Amino acid sequence: MTVEINRLQWKCRRGMREIDLLLREFSRNSFKKLSSEDLLTFDEVLNYDDQTLFDFIFKNQSIGNESHEAFINKHLKKFSKQGNF
């Protein structure tokens, strides 16, 4: 499992500063709390480009996948609103 966590943490490194900070902070604080299913969903969410993630998280523009949007709303938007990144 450690190898998978390391791979996901590396995948959190992004080109857009806001997304990079948000994903890295989330990975530091929340990976241990996620179920295996949530980790798989997070891995899928990380396949979106930075602009798509930014537009959904900060502008509420749909990404077209309800399960991914539900995960982002539950886990990532919490960090963006608290200013933890």
Protein backbone atom coordinates (compact mmCIF):
# COMPACT_ATOMS: atom_id res chain seq x y z
CA MET A 1 0.00 0.00 0.00
CA THR A 2 2.92 2.35 0.66
CA VAL A 3 4.00 2.13 -2.97
CA GLU A 4 0.49 3.10 -4.09
CA ILE A 5 0.41 6.06 -1.67
CA ASN A 6 3.81 7.24 -2.92
CA ARG A 7 2.62 6.97 -6.52
CA LEU A 8 -0.50 9.01 -5.75
CA GLN A 9 1.52 11.65 -3.89
CA TRP A 10 3.80 11.99 -6.91
CA LYS A 11 0.73 12.25 -9.16
CA CYS A 12 -0.51 15.16 -6.97
CA ARG A 13 2.36 17.34 -8.19
CA ARG A 14 0.80 19.68 -10.72
CA GLY A 15 1.65 22.61 -12.95
CA MET A 16 -1.06 24.94 -11.69
CA ARG A 17 -0.03 26.30 -8.30
CA GLU A 18 -3.51 26.34 -6.74
CA ILE A 19 -4.21 22.74 -7.71
CA ASP A 20 -0.71 21.60 -6.73
CA LEU A 21 -1.01 23.08 -3.24
CA LEU A 22 -4.53 21.78 -2.74
CA LEU A 23 -3.74 18.22 -3.83
CA ARG A 24 -0.48 18.00 -1.90
CA GLU A 25 -2.09 19.30 1.29
CA PHE A 26 -4.96 16.86 0.85
CA SER A 27 -2.55 13.97 0.29
CA ARG A 28 -0.54 14.83 3.40
CA ASN A 29 -3.58 15.06 5.65
CA SER A 30 -6.15 12.67 4.28
CA PHE A 31 -4.66 9.62 2.58
CA LYS A 32 -4.70 7.55 5.75
CA LYS A 33 -8.41 8.28 6.22
CA LEU A 34 -9.47 7.13 2.74
CA SER A 35 -10.88 3.71 1.96
CA SER A 36 -9.40 1.63 -0.85
CA GLU A 37 -12.37 2.61 -3.03
CA ASP A 38 -11.78 6.30 -2.30
CA LEU A 39 -8.11 5.94 -3.20
CA LEU A 40 -9.10 4.44 -6.55
CA THR A 41 -11.52 7.31 -7.17
CA PHE A 42 -8.85 9.84 -6.20
CA ASP A 43 -6.45 8.21 -8.65
CA GLU A 44 -9.09 8.65 -11.38
CA VAL A 45 -9.68 12.29 -10.36
CA LEU A 46 -5.96 12.94 -10.74
CA ASN A 47 -6.26 12.05 -14.43
CA TYR A 48 -8.09 15.32 -15.11
CA ASP A 49 -6.02 18.22 -16.31
CA ASP A 50 -5.38 21.12 -13.94
CA GLN A 51 -7.77 23.55 -15.64
CA THR A 52 -10.69 21.09 -15.47
CA LEU A 53 -10.08 20.50 -11.76
CA PHE A 54 -9.69 24.22 -11.10
CA ASP A 55 -12.91 25.03 -12.96
CA PHE A 56 -14.87 22.44 -10.99
CA ILE A 57 -13.41 23.23 -7.57
CA PHE A 58 -13.42 27.00 -7.79
CA LYS A 59 -16.01 27.80 -10.48
CA ASN A 60 -18.45 24.87 -10.07
CA GLN A 61 -18.21 23.86 -13.73
CA SER A 62 -19.20 20.23 -14.16
CA ILE A 63 -16.58 17.67 -15.14
CA GLY A 64 -19.25 15.25 -16.35
CA ASN A 65 -18.71 12.41 -13.87
CA GLU A 66 -20.99 12.31 -10.84
CA SER A 67 -18.84 9.99 -8.73
CA HIS A 68 -15.74 12.11 -9.30
CA GLU A 69 -17.68 15.30 -8.56
CA ALA A 70 -19.06 13.74 -5.35
CA PHE A 71 -15.53 12.78 -4.25
CA ILE A 72 -14.19 16.27 -4.97
CA ASN A 73 -17.11 17.89 -3.17
CA LYS A 74 -16.67 15.66 -0.13
CA HIS A 75 -12.89 15.74 0.15
CA LEU A 76 -11.16 18.44 -1.88
CA LYS A 77 -13.53 21.39 -1.76
CA LYS A 78 -13.33 21.24 2.02
CA PHE A 79 -9.63 22.16 1.78
CA SER A 80 -10.21 24.93 -0.77
CA LYS A 81 -12.85 26.60 1.41
CA GLN A 82 -10.80 26.38 4.59
CA GLY A 83 -7.79 27.88 2.89
CA ASN A 84 -5.64 25.01 4.14
CA PHE A 85 -3.46 25.16 1.08
